[in-house]
Amino acid sequence: MRKILTTCLLFLTLTCSAAAQSLRDWSLSQNGKSKSCLTKELNIPHPFCQTPDTVSIVIMGDMMMHRGQIANARVGEDSFDFSECFQKIEHLIKGADIAVANMEFTLAGKPYTGYPCFSAPDSYAEAVAKSGVDIFLTANNHILDKGTKGIRRTLEIYSKMEDDGLIRHTGAAASAEDDSLRFPLRVVSKGIRLALINFTYGTNCGIPEEFPKVHRIDTTEIADAVLRARESGADFIIALPHWGNEYVLRHSASQGRFARWLAEKGCDAVVGAHPHVLQDIETLTVSSKNGVGVRKVPVIYSLGNFISNMSAPNTQVGMMVTLRFTKDWLGNKNMLEPLLTL
């Protein structure tokens, strides 16, 4: 009996030592990959030796649809081919686990129009989805360019695409029930739960009091969305504001204050759109969610245009940002350094 007990204690000691070492290795990992965790030394399979799951989410800037783009894509009386827009970057979009784009136009039907009131052919949205984009952002200043009728038709088409398993969409909602599913939008990939919160400073044609609803910069609503995201088990929260001053290369003081507010409320990253040019990037340091230590929150103030026909200075340069999140077998979470692609 004593021999059996000694053997059990020895095995327990070895196992605990390996577990302790593996925990140290997790904390020392710099790139989201675990080390050997002593498996080679013990020469046994170790359940603790697992590479953390990593999810990549690529976010791109403004998807516009100007008159010149419509004319160039026309291949028939009412037929368009937008595939050329994505040929050289499709591999980057599809290379991420999740791809997100700001859809800055409506699908209001004919007549198709560009600036200042956008109505794109339905096939443009289909081409965006086919390129690999998974999530459409709809809270922007052009979503009401064609009034209530235009936004209703746009959301109907996006929801049909969603029902067909092609995309998800967030930022605007057709009804209260619909809104509860989209603000925040919850997405799960590789067991990592993300929440996306998309909102705009306003719209060019005003914002309806009721539905269809476009989410605007309302601190009460946003704080509630962050809280509900955490309570529902979100591992990471990404804020996606439509904000700032057009054609200005640096963020405004109000953007800076609001970015810090978002970070302090619990957002893990802030990625903005609207200025149509690239803006600066910074990393904010705020208190950790549990009040112990600090955490870093990247803020990309503006990604610029992604697809457009604009010719003003600096509007023909856009950027994609890839956010990478990890989660190990213990539930420890980490955000890796963002990757920027011009």
Protein backbone atom coordinates (compact mmCIF):
# COMPACT_ATOMS: atom_id res chain seq x y z
CA MET A 1 0.00 0.00 0.00
CA ARG A 2 2.85 2.38 0.89
CA LYS A 3 4.55 1.60 -2.45
CA ILE A 4 1.35 2.38 -4.35
CA LEU A 5 0.91 5.64 -2.42
CA THR A 6 4.52 6.65 -3.13
CA THR A 7 4.04 5.94 -6.83
CA CYS A 8 0.84 8.01 -6.92
CA LEU A 9 2.50 10.91 -5.15
CA LEU A 10 5.43 10.76 -7.57
CA PHE A 11 3.07 10.83 -10.56
CA LEU A 12 1.11 13.71 -9.03
CA THR A 13 4.33 15.65 -8.43
CA LEU A 14 5.44 15.14 -12.03
CA THR A 15 2.04 16.16 -13.37
CA CYS A 16 1.82 19.27 -11.21
CA SER A 17 5.36 20.25 -12.15
CA ALA A 18 4.51 19.92 -15.81
CA ALA A 19 1.34 21.94 -15.33
CA ALA A 20 3.21 24.67 -13.49
CA GLN A 21 5.86 24.76 -16.19
CA SER A 22 3.22 24.93 -18.91
CA LEU A 23 1.59 27.89 -17.16
CA ARG A 24 4.95 29.66 -17.05
CA ASP A 25 5.42 28.89 -20.72
CA TRP A 26 2.02 30.43 -21.54
CA SER A 27 2.97 33.62 -19.72
CA LEU A 28 6.31 33.75 -21.49
CA SER A 29 4.83 33.19 -24.95
CA GLN A 30 5.29 36.26 -27.13
CA ASN A 31 3.57 35.17 -30.32
CA GLY A 32 0.50 33.25 -29.24
CA LYS A 33 2.22 29.85 -29.53
CA SER A 34 2.99 27.65 -26.56
CA LYS A 35 6.37 26.13 -25.90
CA SER A 36 7.18 22.45 -25.38
CA CYS A 37 5.78 22.33 -21.81
CA LEU A 38 8.20 19.57 -20.79
CA THR A 39 6.57 16.94 -23.03
CA LYS A 40 9.89 16.08 -24.58
CA GLU A 41 11.49 15.61 -21.18
CA LEU A 42 8.66 13.42 -19.88
CA ASN A 43 8.11 11.75 -23.26
CA ILE A 44 4.35 11.55 -22.67
CA PRO A 45 1.43 13.35 -24.34
CA HIS A 46 0.49 16.36 -22.24
CA PRO A 47 -3.07 17.74 -22.30
CA PHE A 48 -1.81 21.18 -21.28
CA CYS A 49 0.46 21.52 -24.33
CA GLN A 50 -1.93 23.19 -26.73
CA THR A 51 -1.36 26.17 -28.96
CA PRO A 52 -3.93 28.85 -28.07
CA ASP A 53 -6.74 29.33 -30.55
CA THR A 54 -6.15 32.46 -32.64
CA VAL A 55 -8.82 34.33 -34.56
CA SER A 56 -7.98 36.96 -37.15
CA ILE A 57 -10.46 39.65 -38.14
CA VAL A 58 -9.61 41.96 -41.02
CA ILE A 59 -11.41 45.30 -41.17
CA MET A 60 -11.39 47.49 -44.26
CA GLY A 61 -12.50 51.06 -44.87
CA ASP A 62 -15.24 52.68 -46.89
CA MET A 63 -16.91 50.72 -49.68
CA MET A 64 -18.24 53.52 -51.88
CA MET A 65 -20.15 53.40 -55.18
CA HIS A 66 -19.76 56.50 -57.33
CA ARG A 67 -21.26 57.06 -60.77
CA GLY A 68 -17.97 56.29 -62.50
CA GLN A 69 -17.80 52.91 -60.79
CA ILE A 70 -21.34 52.07 -61.85
CA ALA A 71 -20.62 53.02 -65.45
CA ASN A 72 -17.36 51.06 -65.55
CA ALA A 73 -18.97 47.90 -64.14
CA ARG A 74 -21.95 47.90 -66.50
CA VAL A 75 -21.95 44.89 -68.86
CA GLY A 76 -25.58 45.07 -69.98
CA GLU A 77 -28.75 47.11 -69.67
CA ASP A 78 -29.18 46.13 -66.03
CA SER A 79 -26.17 43.89 -65.50
CA PHE A 80 -22.93 44.72 -63.68
CA ASP A 81 -19.64 42.99 -63.00
CA PHE A 82 -17.74 44.31 -59.97
CA SER A 83 -15.31 41.39 -59.68
CA GLU A 84 -12.40 43.47 -60.99
CA CYS A 85 -12.58 45.62 -57.85
CA PHE A 86 -11.47 42.68 -55.72
CA GLN A 87 -9.17 40.63 -57.95
CA LYS A 88 -5.90 41.79 -56.40
CA ILE A 89 -6.98 41.85 -52.77
CA GLU A 90 -9.43 38.96 -52.52
CA HIS A 91 -6.75 36.65 -51.10
CA LEU A 92 -6.16 39.08 -48.23
CA ILE A 93 -9.85 39.20 -47.40
CA LYS A 94 -10.35 35.45 -47.57
CA GLY A 95 -7.13 34.85 -45.63
CA ALA A 96 -8.73 36.13 -42.41
CA ASP A 97 -11.17 34.17 -40.26
CA ILE A 98 -13.59 37.12 -40.32
CA ALA A 99 -13.69 40.08 -42.72
CA VAL A 100 -15.58 43.32 -42.07
CA ALA A 101 -16.39 46.24 -44.40
CA ASN A 102 -18.18 49.58 -44.10
CA MET A 103 -20.96 49.57 -46.72
CA GLU A 104 -21.34 53.28 -47.39
CA PHE A 105 -24.24 53.24 -49.84
CA THR A 106 -27.82 52.04 -50.08
CA LEU A 107 -29.45 49.36 -52.20
CA ALA A 108 -32.50 51.48 -52.91
CA GLY A 109 -32.98 50.23 -56.46
CA LYS A 110 -33.16 52.23 -59.68
CA PRO A 111 -32.14 54.80 -60.63
CA TYR A 112 -28.60 53.96 -59.56
CA THR A 113 -26.89 57.08 -58.27
CA GLY A 114 -23.55 58.15 -56.87
CA TYR A 115 -22.65 61.14 -54.72
CA PRO A 116 -24.31 62.79 -52.89
CA CYS A 117 -27.14 60.25 -52.48
CA PHE A 118 -25.89 56.74 -53.15
CA SER A 119 -27.95 53.87 -54.56
CA ALA A 120 -25.84 50.98 -55.82
CA PRO A 121 -26.85 47.93 -57.87
CA ASP A 122 -27.68 44.92 -55.72
CA SER A 123 -24.91 42.99 -57.44
CA TYR A 124 -22.31 45.25 -55.78
CA ALA A 125 -23.21 43.89 -52.34
CA GLU A 126 -23.15 40.38 -53.79
CA ALA A 127 -19.64 41.00 -55.16
CA VAL A 128 -18.45 42.28 -51.78
CA ALA A 129 -19.72 39.10 -50.13
CA LYS A 130 -18.21 36.92 -52.84
CA SER A 131 -14.81 38.55 -52.25
CA GLY A 132 -14.85 37.10 -48.73
CA VAL A 133 -16.39 39.87 -46.61
CA ASP A 134 -18.43 38.31 -43.80
CA ILE A 135 -19.86 41.32 -41.96
CA PHE A 136 -21.41 44.47 -43.43
CA LEU A 137 -21.37 47.67 -41.35
CA THR A 138 -24.40 49.86 -42.02
CA ALA A 139 -24.22 52.69 -39.46
CA ASN A 140 -22.85 55.53 -41.58
CA ASN A 141 -23.92 58.94 -42.84
CA HIS A 142 -25.17 57.62 -46.21
CA ILE A 143 -27.45 54.79 -45.07
CA LEU A 144 -30.51 57.09 -45.25
CA ASP A 145 -29.59 58.74 -48.56
CA LYS A 146 -32.78 57.36 -50.12
CA GLY A 147 -34.99 57.79 -47.08
CA THR A 148 -36.98 55.17 -45.20
CA LYS A 149 -37.83 53.24 -48.35
CA GLY A 150 -34.16 53.00 -49.29
CA ILE A 151 -32.92 51.78 -45.91
CA ARG A 152 -35.76 49.25 -45.64
CA ARG A 153 -34.89 47.74 -49.00
CA THR A 154 -31.18 47.72 -48.13
CA LEU A 155 -31.77 45.90 -44.85
CA GLU A 156 -34.17 43.45 -46.49
CA ILE A 157 -31.51 42.48 -49.03
CA TYR A 158 -28.79 42.17 -46.39
CA SER A 159 -31.07 40.08 -44.17
CA LYS A 160 -31.89 37.80 -47.11
CA MET A 161 -28.14 37.40 -47.73
CA GLU A 162 -27.79 36.62 -44.03
CA ASP A 163 -30.53 33.99 -44.21
CA ASP A 164 -28.64 32.43 -47.12
CA GLY A 165 -25.52 32.20 -44.94
CA LEU A 166 -23.53 34.74 -46.95
CA ILE A 167 -23.00 37.60 -44.49
CA ARG A 168 -24.01 39.18 -41.18
CA HIS A 169 -24.81 42.88 -40.82
CA THR A 170 -24.86 45.39 -37.99
CA GLY A 171 -25.29 49.11 -37.33
CA ALA A 172 -28.89 49.50 -38.50
CA ALA A 173 -31.92 47.34 -37.80
CA ALA A 174 -35.43 46.95 -39.19
CA SER A 175 -37.20 46.29 -35.88
CA ALA A 176 -36.67 46.08 -32.13
CA GLU A 177 -36.36 42.30 -32.31
CA ASP A 178 -33.86 42.61 -35.15
CA ASP A 179 -31.91 45.24 -33.23
CA SER A 180 -31.51 42.99 -30.19
CA LEU A 181 -29.56 40.57 -32.40
CA ARG A 182 -27.37 43.21 -34.04
CA PHE A 183 -26.36 45.69 -31.33
CA PRO A 184 -23.98 44.28 -30.38
CA LEU A 185 -23.43 41.74 -33.15
CA ARG A 186 -22.11 38.52 -31.61
CA VAL A 187 -19.78 36.33 -33.64
CA VAL A 188 -18.03 33.10 -32.64
CA SER A 189 -14.96 31.74 -34.42
CA LYS A 190 -12.74 28.89 -33.17
CA GLY A 191 -14.44 29.12 -29.80
CA ILE A 192 -13.52 32.80 -29.39
CA ARG A 193 -16.53 35.07 -28.90
CA LEU A 194 -16.41 38.54 -30.42
CA ALA A 195 -18.89 41.40 -30.11
CA LEU A 196 -19.00 44.18 -32.72
CA ILE A 197 -20.58 47.56 -31.99
CA ASN A 198 -21.12 49.86 -34.99
CA PHE A 199 -22.53 53.39 -34.76
CA THR A 200 -22.37 56.74 -36.57
CA TYR A 201 -22.12 60.41 -35.66
CA GLY A 202 -25.25 61.00 -37.78
CA THR A 203 -26.68 60.70 -41.27
CA ASN A 204 -27.01 63.21 -44.10
CA CYS A 205 -30.80 62.93 -44.02
CA GLY A 206 -31.48 62.75 -40.29
CA ILE A 207 -32.04 59.68 -38.13
CA PRO A 208 -35.55 58.25 -37.55
CA GLU A 209 -36.86 58.25 -34.01
CA GLU A 210 -38.06 54.66 -34.30
CA PHE A 211 -37.41 51.83 -36.76
CA PRO A 212 -35.70 51.24 -39.04
CA LYS A 213 -33.06 52.31 -36.56
CA VAL A 214 -29.56 53.58 -37.27
CA HIS A 215 -27.30 53.50 -34.24
CA ARG A 216 -25.63 56.79 -33.51
CA ILE A 217 -23.08 57.96 -30.99
CA ASP A 218 -25.24 57.63 -27.89
CA THR A 219 -23.14 56.91 -24.82
CA THR A 220 -26.04 55.38 -22.89
CA GLU A 221 -26.85 52.91 -25.68
CA ILE A 222 -23.21 52.09 -26.33
CA ALA A 223 -22.41 51.53 -22.64
CA ASP A 224 -25.43 49.22 -22.42
CA ALA A 225 -24.29 47.31 -25.52
CA VAL A 226 -20.82 46.82 -24.03
CA LEU A 227 -22.34 45.59 -20.77
CA ARG A 228 -24.67 43.16 -22.55
CA ALA A 229 -21.78 41.89 -24.64
CA ARG A 230 -19.75 41.09 -21.52
CA GLU A 231 -22.70 39.54 -19.73
CA SER A 232 -23.34 37.28 -22.72
CA GLY A 233 -19.77 36.01 -22.57
CA ALA A 234 -17.91 38.07 -25.16
CA ASP A 235 -14.16 37.52 -24.99
CA PHE A 236 -13.36 40.68 -26.96
CA ILE A 237 -15.36 43.76 -27.94
CA ILE A 238 -14.58 45.82 -31.04
CA ALA A 239 -16.02 49.33 -31.43
CA LEU A 240 -16.53 50.48 -35.03
CA PRO A 241 -17.43 54.19 -35.02
CA HIS A 242 -18.28 56.27 -38.09
CA TRP A 243 -16.83 59.57 -36.93
CA GLY A 244 -14.32 62.38 -37.40
CA ASN A 245 -13.78 65.13 -39.95
CA GLU A 246 -13.61 64.32 -43.64
CA TYR A 247 -10.24 64.69 -45.42
CA VAL A 248 -8.42 65.55 -42.17
CA LEU A 249 -5.32 63.42 -41.60
CA ARG A 250 -5.25 63.60 -37.80
CA HIS A 251 -7.98 62.68 -35.38
CA SER A 252 -9.89 65.43 -33.62
CA ALA A 253 -9.91 66.11 -29.89
CA SER A 254 -13.47 64.79 -29.65
CA GLN A 255 -12.44 61.55 -31.37
CA GLY A 256 -9.60 61.18 -28.89
CA ARG A 257 -11.85 61.72 -25.88
CA PHE A 258 -14.48 59.33 -27.18
CA ALA A 259 -11.89 56.67 -28.01
CA ARG A 260 -10.66 56.77 -24.42
CA TRP A 261 -14.23 56.56 -23.15
CA LEU A 262 -14.81 53.46 -25.30
CA ALA A 263 -11.61 51.87 -24.02
CA GLU A 264 -12.44 52.62 -20.40
CA LYS A 265 -15.94 51.18 -20.85
CA GLY A 266 -14.42 47.88 -21.90
CA CYS A 267 -13.84 47.92 -25.66
CA ASP A 268 -10.69 46.03 -26.66
CA ALA A 269 -10.10 47.78 -29.99
CA VAL A 270 -11.48 50.84 -31.79
CA VAL A 271 -11.46 50.98 -35.60
CA GLY A 272 -12.98 54.03 -37.27
CA ALA A 273 -14.25 55.16 -40.66
CA HIS A 274 -15.74 58.23 -42.40
CA PRO A 275 -12.89 60.74 -43.06
CA HIS A 276 -12.10 59.03 -46.44
CA VAL A 277 -8.39 59.42 -45.66
CA LEU A 278 -6.00 57.59 -43.38
CA GLN A 279 -5.72 59.04 -39.91
CA ASP A 280 -3.22 58.41 -37.15
CA ILE A 281 -3.07 55.39 -34.87
CA GLU A 282 -2.44 55.24 -31.15
CA THR A 283 -2.50 52.75 -28.30
CA LEU A 284 -4.37 53.75 -25.16
CA THR A 285 -3.47 52.41 -21.73
CA VAL A 286 -6.45 51.87 -19.44
CA SER A 287 -7.24 49.86 -16.34
CA SER A 288 -7.92 46.16 -16.78
CA LYS A 289 -11.53 45.03 -16.67
CA ASN A 290 -10.97 43.32 -13.32
CA GLY A 291 -9.28 46.41 -11.90
CA VAL A 292 -5.90 44.68 -11.62
CA GLY A 293 -3.14 46.01 -13.85
CA VAL A 294 -3.59 47.76 -17.17
CA ARG A 295 -4.44 46.80 -20.73
CA LYS A 296 -3.56 48.22 -24.13
CA VAL A 297 -6.31 49.28 -26.55
CA PRO A 298 -5.35 50.00 -30.17
CA VAL A 299 -7.22 52.85 -31.85
CA ILE A 300 -7.19 53.15 -35.64
CA TYR A 301 -8.97 56.45 -36.14
CA SER A 302 -9.69 56.06 -39.86
CA LEU A 303 -8.94 53.34 -42.42
CA GLY A 304 -9.65 55.66 -45.34
CA ASN A 305 -11.40 54.52 -48.52
CA PHE A 306 -11.30 50.91 -49.60
CA ILE A 307 -13.16 51.13 -52.90
CA SER A 308 -14.20 54.50 -54.33
CA ASN A 309 -13.87 56.88 -57.26
CA MET A 310 -12.74 59.86 -55.21
CA SER A 311 -9.87 62.01 -56.49
CA ALA A 312 -9.35 64.50 -53.66
CA PRO A 313 -5.87 64.48 -52.07
CA ASN A 314 -5.14 61.40 -49.93
CA THR A 315 -8.48 59.72 -50.73
CA GLN A 316 -6.96 57.06 -52.98
CA VAL A 317 -4.99 55.45 -50.16
CA GLY A 318 -6.73 53.03 -47.85
CA MET A 319 -5.73 50.49 -45.25
CA MET A 320 -6.80 47.13 -43.89
CA VAL A 321 -6.17 46.28 -40.25
CA THR A 322 -6.01 42.70 -39.02
CA LEU A 323 -6.81 42.21 -35.34
CA ARG A 324 -5.70 38.90 -33.84
CA PHE A 325 -7.13 37.45 -30.66
CA THR A 326 -5.99 34.37 -28.75
CA LYS A 327 -7.51 32.22 -26.05
CA ASP A 328 -5.80 29.26 -24.38
CA TRP A 329 -7.17 26.15 -22.69
CA LEU A 330 -7.39 27.97 -19.34
CA GLY A 331 -9.46 30.77 -20.82
CA ASN A 332 -6.60 33.27 -20.76
CA LYS A 333 -7.14 35.87 -23.48
CA ASN A 334 -4.72 38.06 -25.35
CA MET A 335 -4.75 40.45 -28.28
CA LEU A 336 -1.70 40.35 -30.52
CA GLU A 337 -0.15 43.34 -32.27
CA PRO A 338 -2.47 44.58 -35.07
CA LEU A 339 -1.25 44.05 -38.64
CA LEU A 340 -1.63 46.94 -41.08
CA THR A 341 -1.88 46.51 -44.85
CA LEU A 342 -1.84 49.52 -47.19
